[in-house]
Amino acid sequence: MDIPLSILDLAPITQGSDAGQALANTLDLAQHAEKWGYHRFWLAEHHNMPGIASAATSVVMTHVAGNTRTIRVGSGGIMLPNHSPLVIAEQFGTMASLFPGRIDLGLGRAPGTDPLTSRALRRDVHAAAERFPEDIEELQEYLGTSSGRIQAVPGQGTNVPIWLLGSSLFSARLAALKGLPYAFASHFAPGQMMDALNLYRVHFRPSDQLKAPRVMVAVNLYASDTEEEARLLFSSVQQLFVALRFGTPGKLAPPIVDYERQLHPMQRATLDAALHYTALGTPSQVRSKLQSIVEETRADELILVSHIFDHQKRLKSYEIGAEILKARVS
């Protein structure tokens, strides 16, 4: 079975740079990804994060879709508790009208930020999270052919494909019951992945959008000509995770030689667990790892994430992924 490869980007802001450069790099990556044959290019919603420039996800998506031609562009994801379903329907309906057949709507239940920022978003996030299943149904009605008194214009009749994103059994069960494709956040929270995928497949109910289960698995990608350089590049995301654990998020830091040796054994163990699904090393090592992940998860698609400080080396990592794509991960 052929496995499509896609990209999840957070428009990383590196130390010494700014959001403008990060967004320019995102577009450059998307244009290369299209040329290389990647299937989708998704962007993630996070707020109050100094190192992420994709907070206004729909705006960035429109910029990317408007400057590419064929690659699917989507959200990985929109954190629906932060938003009115009607507003999201209008935003994605607008994009679907501008770029027919190219827009995906991935939805998450988490706020994508801290409690203080959640309040600044002017949403009762806890109550909204409880309403998540109902909000999905409302959103589907706006994007479908509902003739209710409130209509999303643009939006109505666009039937933008909806994906559910998650890292828990709750999201897996909900995706199964609603008959939606499911993307698991295994690139940073793999603990419940296999249980979640099994639950999703066992309880899946066909829907108008999807007749059989479809699973996407997220994998960190750090590919280079040598394993030594790939491990060096990987140290930037390791620093990022350590900073997040201490509640001090910042811009993406440059790589550090032998970074792991500076860490406490507990920190190393935490990183190893969180970043377990990482394809790192030379092209042959990365190919072998991706193949083993496909065999383990029976994924229908892999979405690759690469937080690399140097933009050219990030492009190189994804180019190696594209070479594997051409060879067909199966």
C-alpha atoms as a PDB file:
ATOM      1  CA  MET A   1       0.000   0.000   0.000  1.00  0.00           C
ATOM      2  CA  ASP A   2       1.381   3.406  -0.954  1.00  0.00           C
ATOM      3  CA  ILE A   3       1.594   5.869   1.932  1.00  0.00           C
ATOM      4  CA  PRO A   4       1.301   9.614   1.248  1.00  0.00           C
ATOM      5  CA  LEU A   5       3.664  11.887   3.160  1.00  0.00           C
ATOM      6  CA  SER A   6       2.566  15.304   4.385  1.00  0.00           C
ATOM      7  CA  ILE A   7       4.040  18.171   6.419  1.00  0.00           C
ATOM      8  CA  LEU A   8       2.923  19.809   9.663  1.00  0.00           C
ATOM      9  CA  ASP A   9       4.471  23.261  10.148  1.00  0.00           C
ATOM     10  CA  LEU A  10       4.289  25.653  13.102  1.00  0.00           C
ATOM     11  CA  ALA A  11       6.118  28.493  11.346  1.00  0.00           C
ATOM     12  CA  PRO A  12       8.967  28.311  13.897  1.00  0.00           C
ATOM     13  CA  ILE A  13      10.522  31.620  14.943  1.00  0.00           C
ATOM     14  CA  THR A  14      14.217  31.130  15.561  1.00  0.00           C
ATOM     15  CA  GLN A  15      16.440  33.026  17.967  1.00  0.00           C
ATOM     16  CA  GLY A  16      17.713  36.182  16.280  1.00  0.00           C
ATOM     17  CA  SER A  17      14.801  36.227  13.830  1.00  0.00           C
ATOM     18  CA  ASP A  18      11.166  37.324  13.792  1.00  0.00           C
ATOM     19  CA  ALA A  19       7.664  36.296  12.712  1.00  0.00           C
ATOM     20  CA  GLY A  20       8.031  37.857   9.282  1.00  0.00           C
ATOM     21  CA  GLN A  21      11.009  35.673   8.448  1.00  0.00           C
ATOM     22  CA  ALA A  22       9.322  32.623   9.953  1.00  0.00           C
ATOM     23  CA  LEU A  23       6.281  33.097   7.719  1.00  0.00           C
ATOM     24  CA  ALA A  24       8.508  33.634   4.678  1.00  0.00           C
ATOM     25  CA  ASN A  25      10.248  30.356   5.521  1.00  0.00           C
ATOM     26  CA  THR A  26       6.892  28.615   5.863  1.00  0.00           C
ATOM     27  CA  LEU A  27       5.823  29.682   2.401  1.00  0.00           C
ATOM     28  CA  ASP A  28       9.200  28.685   0.956  1.00  0.00           C
ATOM     29  CA  LEU A  29       8.860  25.259   2.568  1.00  0.00           C
ATOM     30  CA  ALA A  30       5.311  24.835   1.249  1.00  0.00           C
ATOM     31  CA  GLN A  31       6.399  25.691  -2.287  1.00  0.00           C
ATOM     32  CA  HIS A  32       9.250  23.192  -2.086  1.00  0.00           C
ATOM     33  CA  ALA A  33       6.910  20.583  -0.572  1.00  0.00           C
ATOM     34  CA  GLU A  34       4.542  20.981  -3.515  1.00  0.00           C
ATOM     35  CA  LYS A  35       7.393  20.557  -5.985  1.00  0.00           C
ATOM     36  CA  TRP A  36       8.702  17.511  -4.118  1.00  0.00           C
ATOM     37  CA  GLY A  37       5.322  15.751  -4.117  1.00  0.00           C
ATOM     38  CA  TYR A  38       4.105  16.039  -0.535  1.00  0.00           C
ATOM     39  CA  HIS A  39       0.355  15.493  -0.226  1.00  0.00           C
ATOM     40  CA  ARG A  40      -0.662  18.090   2.394  1.00  0.00           C
ATOM     41  CA  PHE A  41       0.798  21.102   4.148  1.00  0.00           C
ATOM     42  CA  TRP A  42      -0.832  21.719   7.513  1.00  0.00           C
ATOM     43  CA  LEU A  43      -0.390  24.572   9.994  1.00  0.00           C
ATOM     44  CA  ALA A  44      -1.072  24.570  13.730  1.00  0.00           C
ATOM     45  CA  GLU A  45      -2.830  27.015  16.032  1.00  0.00           C
ATOM     46  CA  HIS A  46      -0.898  27.996  19.162  1.00  0.00           C
ATOM     47  CA  HIS A  47      -1.166  31.220  21.166  1.00  0.00           C
ATOM     48  CA  ASN A  48       1.221  33.180  23.382  1.00  0.00           C
ATOM     49  CA  MET A  49       4.158  31.123  22.091  1.00  0.00           C
ATOM     50  CA  PRO A  50       7.240  33.237  21.265  1.00  0.00           C
ATOM     51  CA  GLY A  51       8.553  30.585  18.891  1.00  0.00           C
ATOM     52  CA  ILE A  52       5.418  29.964  16.787  1.00  0.00           C
ATOM     53  CA  ALA A  53       4.130  32.331  14.077  1.00  0.00           C
ATOM     54  CA  SER A  54       1.029  30.380  12.975  1.00  0.00           C
ATOM     55  CA  ALA A  55      -1.403  31.633  15.649  1.00  0.00           C
ATOM     56  CA  ALA A  56      -3.715  33.162  13.018  1.00  0.00           C
ATOM     57  CA  THR A  57      -3.859  29.791  11.283  1.00  0.00           C
ATOM     58  CA  SER A  58      -6.531  30.605   8.702  1.00  0.00           C
ATOM     59  CA  VAL A  59      -4.641  33.724   7.610  1.00  0.00           C
ATOM     60  CA  VAL A  60      -1.393  31.799   7.148  1.00  0.00           C
ATOM     61  CA  MET A  61      -3.233  29.032   5.320  1.00  0.00           C
ATOM     62  CA  THR A  62      -4.692  31.549   2.877  1.00  0.00           C
ATOM     63  CA  HIS A  63      -1.227  32.976   2.240  1.00  0.00           C
ATOM     64  CA  VAL A  64       0.204  29.504   1.599  1.00  0.00           C
ATOM     65  CA  ALA A  65      -2.689  28.315  -0.572  1.00  0.00           C
ATOM     66  CA  GLY A  66      -2.602  31.521  -2.591  1.00  0.00           C
ATOM     67  CA  ASN A  67       1.060  31.034  -3.405  1.00  0.00           C
ATOM     68  CA  THR A  68       0.911  27.335  -4.263  1.00  0.00           C
ATOM     69  CA  ARG A  69      -1.138  25.533  -6.899  1.00  0.00           C
ATOM     70  CA  THR A  70      -1.795  21.876  -6.134  1.00  0.00           C
ATOM     71  CA  ILE A  71      -0.798  20.848  -2.615  1.00  0.00           C
ATOM     72  CA  ARG A  72      -3.614  20.493  -0.064  1.00  0.00           C
ATOM     73  CA  VAL A  73      -3.439  23.120   2.684  1.00  0.00           C
ATOM     74  CA  GLY A  74      -4.993  22.576   6.072  1.00  0.00           C
ATOM     75  CA  SER A  75      -5.052  23.112   9.800  1.00  0.00           C
ATOM     76  CA  GLY A  76      -3.360  20.719  12.138  1.00  0.00           C
ATOM     77  CA  GLY A  77      -5.266  22.016  13.812  1.00  0.00           C
ATOM     78  CA  ILE A  78      -7.787  24.674  14.586  1.00  0.00           C
ATOM     79  CA  MET A  79      -8.485  24.536  18.337  1.00  0.00           C
ATOM     80  CA  LEU A  80     -12.264  24.703  18.115  1.00  0.00           C
ATOM     81  CA  PRO A  81     -12.895  25.624  21.788  1.00  0.00           C
ATOM     82  CA  ASN A  82     -11.238  28.975  21.014  1.00  0.00           C
ATOM     83  CA  HIS A  83     -13.721  29.823  18.271  1.00  0.00           C
ATOM     84  CA  SER A  84     -17.324  30.079  17.201  1.00  0.00           C
ATOM     85  CA  PRO A  85     -18.174  27.249  14.778  1.00  0.00           C
ATOM     86  CA  LEU A  86     -19.856  29.800  12.501  1.00  0.00           C
ATOM     87  CA  VAL A  87     -16.688  31.901  12.225  1.00  0.00           C
ATOM     88  CA  ILE A  88     -14.571  28.827  11.407  1.00  0.00           C
ATOM     89  CA  ALA A  89     -17.140  27.736   8.815  1.00  0.00           C
ATOM     90  CA  GLU A  90     -16.966  31.161   7.186  1.00  0.00           C
ATOM     91  CA  GLN A  91     -13.157  31.233   7.224  1.00  0.00           C
ATOM     92  CA  PHE A  92     -12.737  27.757   5.779  1.00  0.00           C
ATOM     93  CA  GLY A  93     -15.676  28.229   3.421  1.00  0.00           C
ATOM     94  CA  THR A  94     -13.921  31.328   2.093  1.00  0.00           C
ATOM     95  CA  MET A  95     -10.693  29.398   1.566  1.00  0.00           C
ATOM     96  CA  ALA A  96     -12.568  26.522  -0.075  1.00  0.00           C
ATOM     97  CA  SER A  97     -14.218  29.024  -2.433  1.00  0.00           C
ATOM     98  CA  LEU A  98     -10.861  30.573  -3.305  1.00  0.00           C
ATOM     99  CA  PHE A  99      -8.976  27.269  -3.588  1.00  0.00           C
ATOM    100  CA  PRO A 100     -11.522  24.551  -4.465  1.00  0.00           C
ATOM    101  CA  GLY A 101     -10.615  21.007  -3.532  1.00  0.00           C
ATOM    102  CA  ARG A 102      -7.451  21.958  -1.646  1.00  0.00           C
ATOM    103  CA  ILE A 103      -8.515  22.853   1.913  1.00  0.00           C
ATOM    104  CA  ASP A 104      -8.566  20.562   4.971  1.00  0.00           C
ATOM    105  CA  LEU A 105     -10.017  21.404   8.385  1.00  0.00           C
ATOM    106  CA  GLY A 106      -8.244  19.574  11.191  1.00  0.00           C
ATOM    107  CA  LEU A 107      -9.840  20.188  14.594  1.00  0.00           C
ATOM    108  CA  GLY A 108      -8.442  19.886  18.097  1.00  0.00           C
ATOM    109  CA  ARG A 109     -10.152  19.996  21.488  1.00  0.00           C
ATOM    110  CA  ALA A 110      -7.294  21.519  23.504  1.00  0.00           C
ATOM    111  CA  PRO A 111      -6.953  25.312  23.740  1.00  0.00           C
ATOM    112  CA  GLY A 112      -3.408  25.276  22.364  1.00  0.00           C
ATOM    113  CA  THR A 113      -2.239  27.659  25.065  1.00  0.00           C
ATOM    114  CA  ASP A 114      -2.144  28.391  28.793  1.00  0.00           C
ATOM    115  CA  PRO A 115      -5.211  29.210  30.969  1.00  0.00           C
ATOM    116  CA  LEU A 116      -4.451  32.938  31.149  1.00  0.00           C
ATOM    117  CA  THR A 117      -4.223  33.203  27.359  1.00  0.00           C
ATOM    118  CA  SER A 118      -7.388  31.143  27.032  1.00  0.00           C
ATOM    119  CA  ARG A 119      -9.227  33.809  28.990  1.00  0.00           C
ATOM    120  CA  ALA A 120      -7.670  36.481  26.759  1.00  0.00           C
ATOM    121  CA  LEU A 121      -9.228  34.674  23.794  1.00  0.00           C
ATOM    122  CA  ARG A 122     -12.579  35.523  25.437  1.00  0.00           C
ATOM    123  CA  ARG A 123     -13.835  31.956  25.490  1.00  0.00           C
ATOM    124  CA  ASP A 124     -14.907  29.808  28.419  1.00  0.00           C
ATOM    125  CA  VAL A 125     -12.513  27.105  27.306  1.00  0.00           C
ATOM    126  CA  HIS A 126     -13.611  24.462  29.803  1.00  0.00           C
ATOM    127  CA  ALA A 127     -17.253  24.810  28.831  1.00  0.00           C
ATOM    128  CA  ALA A 128     -16.318  24.980  25.157  1.00  0.00           C
ATOM    129  CA  ALA A 129     -14.279  21.797  25.448  1.00  0.00           C
ATOM    130  CA  GLU A 130     -17.335  20.050  26.891  1.00  0.00           C
ATOM    131  CA  ARG A 131     -19.341  21.285  23.883  1.00  0.00           C
ATOM    132  CA  PHE A 132     -16.726  20.021  21.410  1.00  0.00           C
ATOM    133  CA  PRO A 133     -18.864  17.180  19.946  1.00  0.00           C
ATOM    134  CA  GLU A 134     -21.854  19.499  19.530  1.00  0.00           C
ATOM    135  CA  ASP A 135     -19.669  22.239  18.026  1.00  0.00           C
ATOM    136  CA  ILE A 136     -18.390  19.769  15.421  1.00  0.00           C
ATOM    137  CA  GLU A 137     -21.955  18.930  14.440  1.00  0.00           C
ATOM    138  CA  GLU A 138     -22.801  22.615  14.188  1.00  0.00           C
ATOM    139  CA  LEU A 139     -19.740  23.191  12.036  1.00  0.00           C
ATOM    140  CA  GLN A 140     -20.662  20.301   9.763  1.00  0.00           C
ATOM    141  CA  GLU A 141     -24.122  21.768   9.293  1.00  0.00           C
ATOM    142  CA  TYR A 142     -22.694  25.145   8.292  1.00  0.00           C
ATOM    143  CA  LEU A 143     -20.331  23.525   5.769  1.00  0.00           C
ATOM    144  CA  GLY A 144     -23.007  21.175   4.436  1.00  0.00           C
ATOM    145  CA  THR A 145     -26.352  21.819   2.809  1.00  0.00           C
ATOM    146  CA  SER A 146     -28.337  22.876   5.858  1.00  0.00           C
ATOM    147  CA  SER A 147     -31.175  25.275   5.132  1.00  0.00           C
ATOM    148  CA  GLY A 148     -31.353  26.624   8.674  1.00  0.00           C
ATOM    149  CA  ARG A 149     -31.941  30.264   9.519  1.00  0.00           C
ATOM    150  CA  ILE A 150     -28.216  30.820  10.105  1.00  0.00           C
ATOM    151  CA  GLN A 151     -25.981  30.076   7.151  1.00  0.00           C
ATOM    152  CA  ALA A 152     -22.247  30.346   6.606  1.00  0.00           C
ATOM    153  CA  VAL A 153     -21.623  32.433   3.504  1.00  0.00           C
ATOM    154  CA  PRO A 154     -19.136  31.459   2.162  1.00  0.00           C
ATOM    155  CA  GLY A 155     -19.171  28.002   3.650  1.00  0.00           C
ATOM    156  CA  GLN A 156     -22.533  26.437   2.945  1.00  0.00           C
ATOM    157  CA  GLY A 157     -22.218  23.512   0.535  1.00  0.00           C
ATOM    158  CA  THR A 158     -18.413  23.519   0.482  1.00  0.00           C
ATOM    159  CA  ASN A 159     -18.216  20.331   2.568  1.00  0.00           C
ATOM    160  CA  VAL A 160     -14.648  21.061   3.601  1.00  0.00           C
ATOM    161  CA  PRO A 161     -13.167  17.733   4.781  1.00  0.00           C
ATOM    162  CA  ILE A 162     -12.932  17.617   8.579  1.00  0.00           C
ATOM    163  CA  TRP A 163     -10.241  15.681  10.452  1.00  0.00           C
ATOM    164  CA  LEU A 164     -10.176  15.114  14.197  1.00  0.00           C
ATOM    165  CA  LEU A 165      -6.798  15.508  15.878  1.00  0.00           C
ATOM    166  CA  GLY A 166      -5.876  14.166  19.237  1.00  0.00           C
ATOM    167  CA  SER A 167      -3.591  12.305  21.617  1.00  0.00           C
ATOM    168  CA  SER A 168      -6.182  10.488  23.722  1.00  0.00           C
ATOM    169  CA  LEU A 169      -8.877   7.854  23.686  1.00  0.00           C
ATOM    170  CA  PHE A 170     -11.549  10.577  23.815  1.00  0.00           C
ATOM    171  CA  SER A 171     -10.579  11.979  20.429  1.00  0.00           C
ATOM    172  CA  ALA A 172     -10.256   8.508  18.937  1.00  0.00           C
ATOM    173  CA  ARG A 173     -13.720   7.479  20.086  1.00  0.00           C
ATOM    174  CA  LEU A 174     -15.278  10.735  18.888  1.00  0.00           C
ATOM    175  CA  ALA A 175     -13.647  10.442  15.440  1.00  0.00           C
ATOM    176  CA  ALA A 176     -14.917   6.867  15.185  1.00  0.00           C
ATOM    177  CA  LEU A 177     -18.483   7.724  16.177  1.00  0.00           C
ATOM    178  CA  LYS A 178     -18.635  10.647  13.761  1.00  0.00           C
ATOM    179  CA  GLY A 179     -17.008   8.742  10.913  1.00  0.00           C
ATOM    180  CA  LEU A 180     -14.165  11.216  10.496  1.00  0.00           C
ATOM    181  CA  PRO A 181     -10.512  10.695   9.607  1.00  0.00           C
ATOM    182  CA  TYR A 182      -8.219  10.717  12.630  1.00  0.00           C
ATOM    183  CA  ALA A 183      -4.744  12.228  13.069  1.00  0.00           C
ATOM    184  CA  PHE A 184      -2.752  11.271  16.165  1.00  0.00           C
ATOM    185  CA  ALA A 185      -0.223  13.651  17.752  1.00  0.00           C
ATOM    186  CA  SER A 186       2.431  10.972  18.131  1.00  0.00           C
ATOM    187  CA  HIS A 187       5.207  13.496  17.462  1.00  0.00           C
ATOM    188  CA  PHE A 188       4.972  14.778  21.043  1.00  0.00           C
ATOM    189  CA  ALA A 189       2.415  12.665  22.979  1.00  0.00           C
ATOM    190  CA  PRO A 190       2.641   9.048  21.802  1.00  0.00           C
ATOM    191  CA  GLY A 191       1.666   7.350  25.050  1.00  0.00           C
ATOM    192  CA  GLN A 192      -1.875   6.264  24.122  1.00  0.00           C
ATOM    193  CA  MET A 193      -1.385   6.013  20.376  1.00  0.00           C
ATOM    194  CA  MET A 194      -1.772   2.287  19.777  1.00  0.00           C
ATOM    195  CA  ASP A 195      -4.790   2.025  22.108  1.00  0.00           C
ATOM    196  CA  ALA A 196      -6.355   5.064  20.428  1.00  0.00           C
ATOM    197  CA  LEU A 197      -5.828   3.749  16.898  1.00  0.00           C
ATOM    198  CA  ASN A 198      -7.256   0.359  17.821  1.00  0.00           C
ATOM    199  CA  LEU A 199     -10.294   1.948  19.470  1.00  0.00           C
ATOM    200  CA  TYR A 200     -10.846   4.184  16.442  1.00  0.00           C
ATOM    201  CA  ARG A 201     -10.724   1.308  13.983  1.00  0.00           C
ATOM    202  CA  VAL A 202     -12.929  -1.013  16.056  1.00  0.00           C
ATOM    203  CA  HIS A 203     -15.674   1.551  16.697  1.00  0.00           C
ATOM    204  CA  PHE A 204     -15.584   3.411  13.362  1.00  0.00           C
ATOM    205  CA  ARG A 205     -18.986   4.198  11.864  1.00  0.00           C
ATOM    206  CA  PRO A 206     -19.132   5.102   8.155  1.00  0.00           C
ATOM    207  CA  SER A 207     -20.324   8.617   7.348  1.00  0.00           C
ATOM    208  CA  ASP A 208     -21.105  10.724   4.305  1.00  0.00           C
ATOM    209  CA  GLN A 209     -17.512  11.976   4.410  1.00  0.00           C
ATOM    210  CA  LEU A 210     -15.712   8.676   5.022  1.00  0.00           C
ATOM    211  CA  LYS A 211     -16.666   5.050   4.421  1.00  0.00           C
ATOM    212  CA  ALA A 212     -13.704   3.358   6.146  1.00  0.00           C
ATOM    213  CA  PRO A 213     -11.231   4.370   8.885  1.00  0.00           C
ATOM    214  CA  ARG A 214      -8.389   6.646   7.847  1.00  0.00           C
ATOM    215  CA  VAL A 215      -5.434   7.233  10.152  1.00  0.00           C
ATOM    216  CA  MET A 216      -2.669   9.809   9.955  1.00  0.00           C
ATOM    217  CA  VAL A 217       0.310   9.504  12.293  1.00  0.00           C
ATOM    218  CA  ALA A 218       2.676  12.398  13.079  1.00  0.00           C
ATOM    219  CA  VAL A 219       6.432  11.709  13.037  1.00  0.00           C
ATOM    220  CA  ASN A 220       9.369  13.984  13.825  1.00  0.00           C
ATOM    221  CA  LEU A 221      11.840  14.135  10.936  1.00  0.00           C
ATOM    222  CA  TYR A 222      15.537  14.935  11.342  1.00  0.00           C
ATOM    223  CA  ALA A 223      17.303  13.770   8.217  1.00  0.00           C
ATOM    224  CA  SER A 224      20.761  14.650   6.979  1.00  0.00           C
ATOM    225  CA  ASP A 225      23.715  13.179   5.121  1.00  0.00           C
ATOM    226  CA  THR A 226      25.193  11.920   8.392  1.00  0.00           C
ATOM    227  CA  GLU A 227      23.673  10.635  11.616  1.00  0.00           C
ATOM    228  CA  GLU A 228      25.956  12.964  13.572  1.00  0.00           C
ATOM    229  CA  GLU A 229      24.548  16.068  11.903  1.00  0.00           C
ATOM    230  CA  ALA A 230      20.965  14.808  12.227  1.00  0.00           C
ATOM    231  CA  ARG A 231      21.453  14.361  15.981  1.00  0.00           C
ATOM    232  CA  LEU A 232      22.903  17.854  16.203  1.00  0.00           C
ATOM    233  CA  LEU A 233      19.878  19.315  14.384  1.00  0.00           C
ATOM    234  CA  PHE A 234      17.587  17.338  16.704  1.00  0.00           C
ATOM    235  CA  SER A 235      18.992  19.165  19.746  1.00  0.00           C
ATOM    236  CA  SER A 236      16.959  22.278  18.891  1.00  0.00           C
ATOM    237  CA  VAL A 237      13.649  20.511  19.431  1.00  0.00           C
ATOM    238  CA  GLN A 238      15.049  18.832  22.544  1.00  0.00           C
ATOM    239  CA  GLN A 239      15.819  22.266  23.980  1.00  0.00           C
ATOM    240  CA  LEU A 240      12.340  23.392  23.017  1.00  0.00           C
ATOM    241  CA  PHE A 241      10.695  20.538  24.921  1.00  0.00           C
ATOM    242  CA  VAL A 242      12.822  21.091  28.014  1.00  0.00           C
ATOM    243  CA  ALA A 243      11.859  24.783  28.005  1.00  0.00           C
ATOM    244  CA  LEU A 244       8.170  23.880  27.662  1.00  0.00           C
ATOM    245  CA  ARG A 245       8.395  21.462  30.590  1.00  0.00           C
ATOM    246  CA  PHE A 246       9.771  24.287  32.749  1.00  0.00           C
ATOM    247  CA  GLY A 247       7.060  26.673  31.553  1.00  0.00           C
ATOM    248  CA  THR A 248       9.536  28.915  29.733  1.00  0.00           C
ATOM    249  CA  PRO A 249       8.706  28.639  26.016  1.00  0.00           C
ATOM    250  CA  GLY A 250      10.909  30.673  23.729  1.00  0.00           C
ATOM    251  CA  LYS A 251      12.163  30.967  20.196  1.00  0.00           C
ATOM    252  CA  LEU A 252      13.730  27.935  18.546  1.00  0.00           C
ATOM    253  CA  ALA A 253      17.344  27.749  19.705  1.00  0.00           C
ATOM    254  CA  PRO A 254      20.403  26.851  17.635  1.00  0.00           C
ATOM    255  CA  PRO A 255      21.674  23.277  17.983  1.00  0.00           C
ATOM    256  CA  ILE A 256      24.108  22.298  20.725  1.00  0.00           C
ATOM    257  CA  VAL A 257      26.742  19.589  20.389  1.00  0.00           C
ATOM    258  CA  ASP A 258      26.165  16.673  22.811  1.00  0.00           C
ATOM    259  CA  TYR A 259      23.122  18.414  24.299  1.00  0.00           C
ATOM    260  CA  GLU A 260      21.766  15.210  25.830  1.00  0.00           C
ATOM    261  CA  ARG A 261      24.856  14.861  28.012  1.00  0.00           C
ATOM    262  CA  GLN A 262      23.902  18.103  29.753  1.00  0.00           C
ATOM    263  CA  LEU A 263      20.534  16.749  30.830  1.00  0.00           C
ATOM    264  CA  HIS A 264      19.495  14.991  34.014  1.00  0.00           C
ATOM    265  CA  PRO A 265      18.595  11.322  33.391  1.00  0.00           C
ATOM    266  CA  MET A 266      14.954  12.118  34.181  1.00  0.00           C
ATOM    267  CA  GLN A 267      14.957  14.837  31.537  1.00  0.00           C
ATOM    268  CA  ARG A 268      16.445  12.452  28.996  1.00  0.00           C
ATOM    269  CA  ALA A 269      13.821   9.845  29.825  1.00  0.00           C
ATOM    270  CA  THR A 270      11.040  12.402  29.438  1.00  0.00           C
ATOM    271  CA  LEU A 271      12.404  13.516  26.059  1.00  0.00           C
ATOM    272  CA  ASP A 272      12.835   9.943  24.865  1.00  0.00           C
ATOM    273  CA  ALA A 273       9.215   9.178  25.717  1.00  0.00           C
ATOM    274  CA  ALA A 274       7.740  12.346  24.193  1.00  0.00           C
ATOM    275  CA  LEU A 275       9.837  12.185  21.015  1.00  0.00           C
ATOM    276  CA  HIS A 276       9.757   8.421  20.562  1.00  0.00           C
ATOM    277  CA  TYR A 277       8.291   8.643  17.076  1.00  0.00           C
ATOM    278  CA  THR A 278      11.242  10.370  15.461  1.00  0.00           C
ATOM    279  CA  ALA A 279      12.875   9.386  12.179  1.00  0.00           C
ATOM    280  CA  LEU A 280      16.463  10.552  12.587  1.00  0.00           C
ATOM    281  CA  GLY A 281      19.676   9.992  10.691  1.00  0.00           C
ATOM    282  CA  THR A 282      20.794   9.295   7.160  1.00  0.00           C
ATOM    283  CA  PRO A 283      18.332   8.659   4.319  1.00  0.00           C
ATOM    284  CA  SER A 284      18.550   4.901   4.818  1.00  0.00           C
ATOM    285  CA  GLN A 285      18.028   5.210   8.587  1.00  0.00           C
ATOM    286  CA  VAL A 286      15.049   7.512   8.116  1.00  0.00           C
ATOM    287  CA  ARG A 287      13.524   5.236   5.482  1.00  0.00           C
ATOM    288  CA  SER A 288      13.849   2.235   7.800  1.00  0.00           C
ATOM    289  CA  LYS A 289      12.250   4.101  10.704  1.00  0.00           C
ATOM    290  CA  LEU A 290       9.320   5.363   8.641  1.00  0.00           C
ATOM    291  CA  GLN A 291       8.716   1.885   7.283  1.00  0.00           C
ATOM    292  CA  SER A 292       8.709   0.421  10.793  1.00  0.00           C
ATOM    293  CA  ILE A 293       6.219   3.074  11.960  1.00  0.00           C
ATOM    294  CA  VAL A 294       3.906   2.283   9.064  1.00  0.00           C
ATOM    295  CA  GLU A 295       4.108  -1.417   9.874  1.00  0.00           C
ATOM    296  CA  GLU A 296       3.479  -0.801  13.579  1.00  0.00           C
ATOM    297  CA  THR A 297       0.576   1.632  13.204  1.00  0.00           C
ATOM    298  CA  ARG A 298      -0.903   0.576   9.840  1.00  0.00           C
ATOM    299  CA  ALA A 299      -1.163   4.300   9.137  1.00  0.00           C
ATOM    300  CA  ASP A 300      -2.780   5.444   5.912  1.00  0.00           C
ATOM    301  CA  GLU A 301      -0.626   8.582   5.879  1.00  0.00           C
ATOM    302  CA  LEU A 302       2.350  10.058   7.732  1.00  0.00           C
ATOM    303  CA  ILE A 303       2.657  13.757   8.538  1.00  0.00           C
ATOM    304  CA  LEU A 304       6.207  14.915   9.207  1.00  0.00           C
ATOM    305  CA  VAL A 305       7.298  17.618  11.669  1.00  0.00           C
ATOM    306  CA  SER A 306      10.762  19.154  11.621  1.00  0.00           C
ATOM    307  CA  HIS A 307      11.853  21.919  14.026  1.00  0.00           C
ATOM    308  CA  ILE A 308      15.293  22.681  12.612  1.00  0.00           C
ATOM    309  CA  PHE A 309      17.020  25.974  13.381  1.00  0.00           C
ATOM    310  CA  ASP A 310      18.655  26.510   9.984  1.00  0.00           C
ATOM    311  CA  HIS A 311      16.021  26.893   7.258  1.00  0.00           C
ATOM    312  CA  GLN A 312      18.211  25.430   4.518  1.00  0.00           C
ATOM    313  CA  LYS A 313      18.916  22.360   6.632  1.00  0.00           C
ATOM    314  CA  ARG A 314      15.207  22.062   7.376  1.00  0.00           C
ATOM    315  CA  LEU A 315      14.563  22.060   3.626  1.00  0.00           C
ATOM    316  CA  LYS A 316      17.242  19.406   3.225  1.00  0.00           C
ATOM    317  CA  SER A 317      15.566  17.225   5.851  1.00  0.00           C
ATOM    318  CA  TYR A 318      12.233  17.423   4.055  1.00  0.00           C
ATOM    319  CA  GLU A 319      13.907  16.873   0.690  1.00  0.00           C
ATOM    320  CA  ILE A 320      15.272  13.595   2.020  1.00  0.00           C
ATOM    321  CA  GLY A 321      11.732  12.771   3.125  1.00  0.00           C
ATOM    322  CA  ALA A 322      10.564  13.508  -0.404  1.00  0.00           C
ATOM    323  CA  GLU A 323      13.155  11.130  -1.829  1.00  0.00           C
ATOM    324  CA  ILE A 324      11.723   8.428   0.423  1.00  0.00           C
ATOM    325  CA  LEU A 325       8.242   9.409  -0.774  1.00  0.00           C
ATOM    326  CA  LYS A 326       9.312   8.868  -4.367  1.00  0.00           C
ATOM    327  CA  ALA A 327      10.648   5.448  -3.405  1.00  0.00           C
ATOM    328  CA  ARG A 328       7.240   4.740  -1.791  1.00  0.00           C
ATOM    329  CA  VAL A 329       7.099   3.965   1.899  1.00  0.00           C
ATOM    330  CA  SER A 330       5.074   0.776   2.056  1.00  0.00           C
END
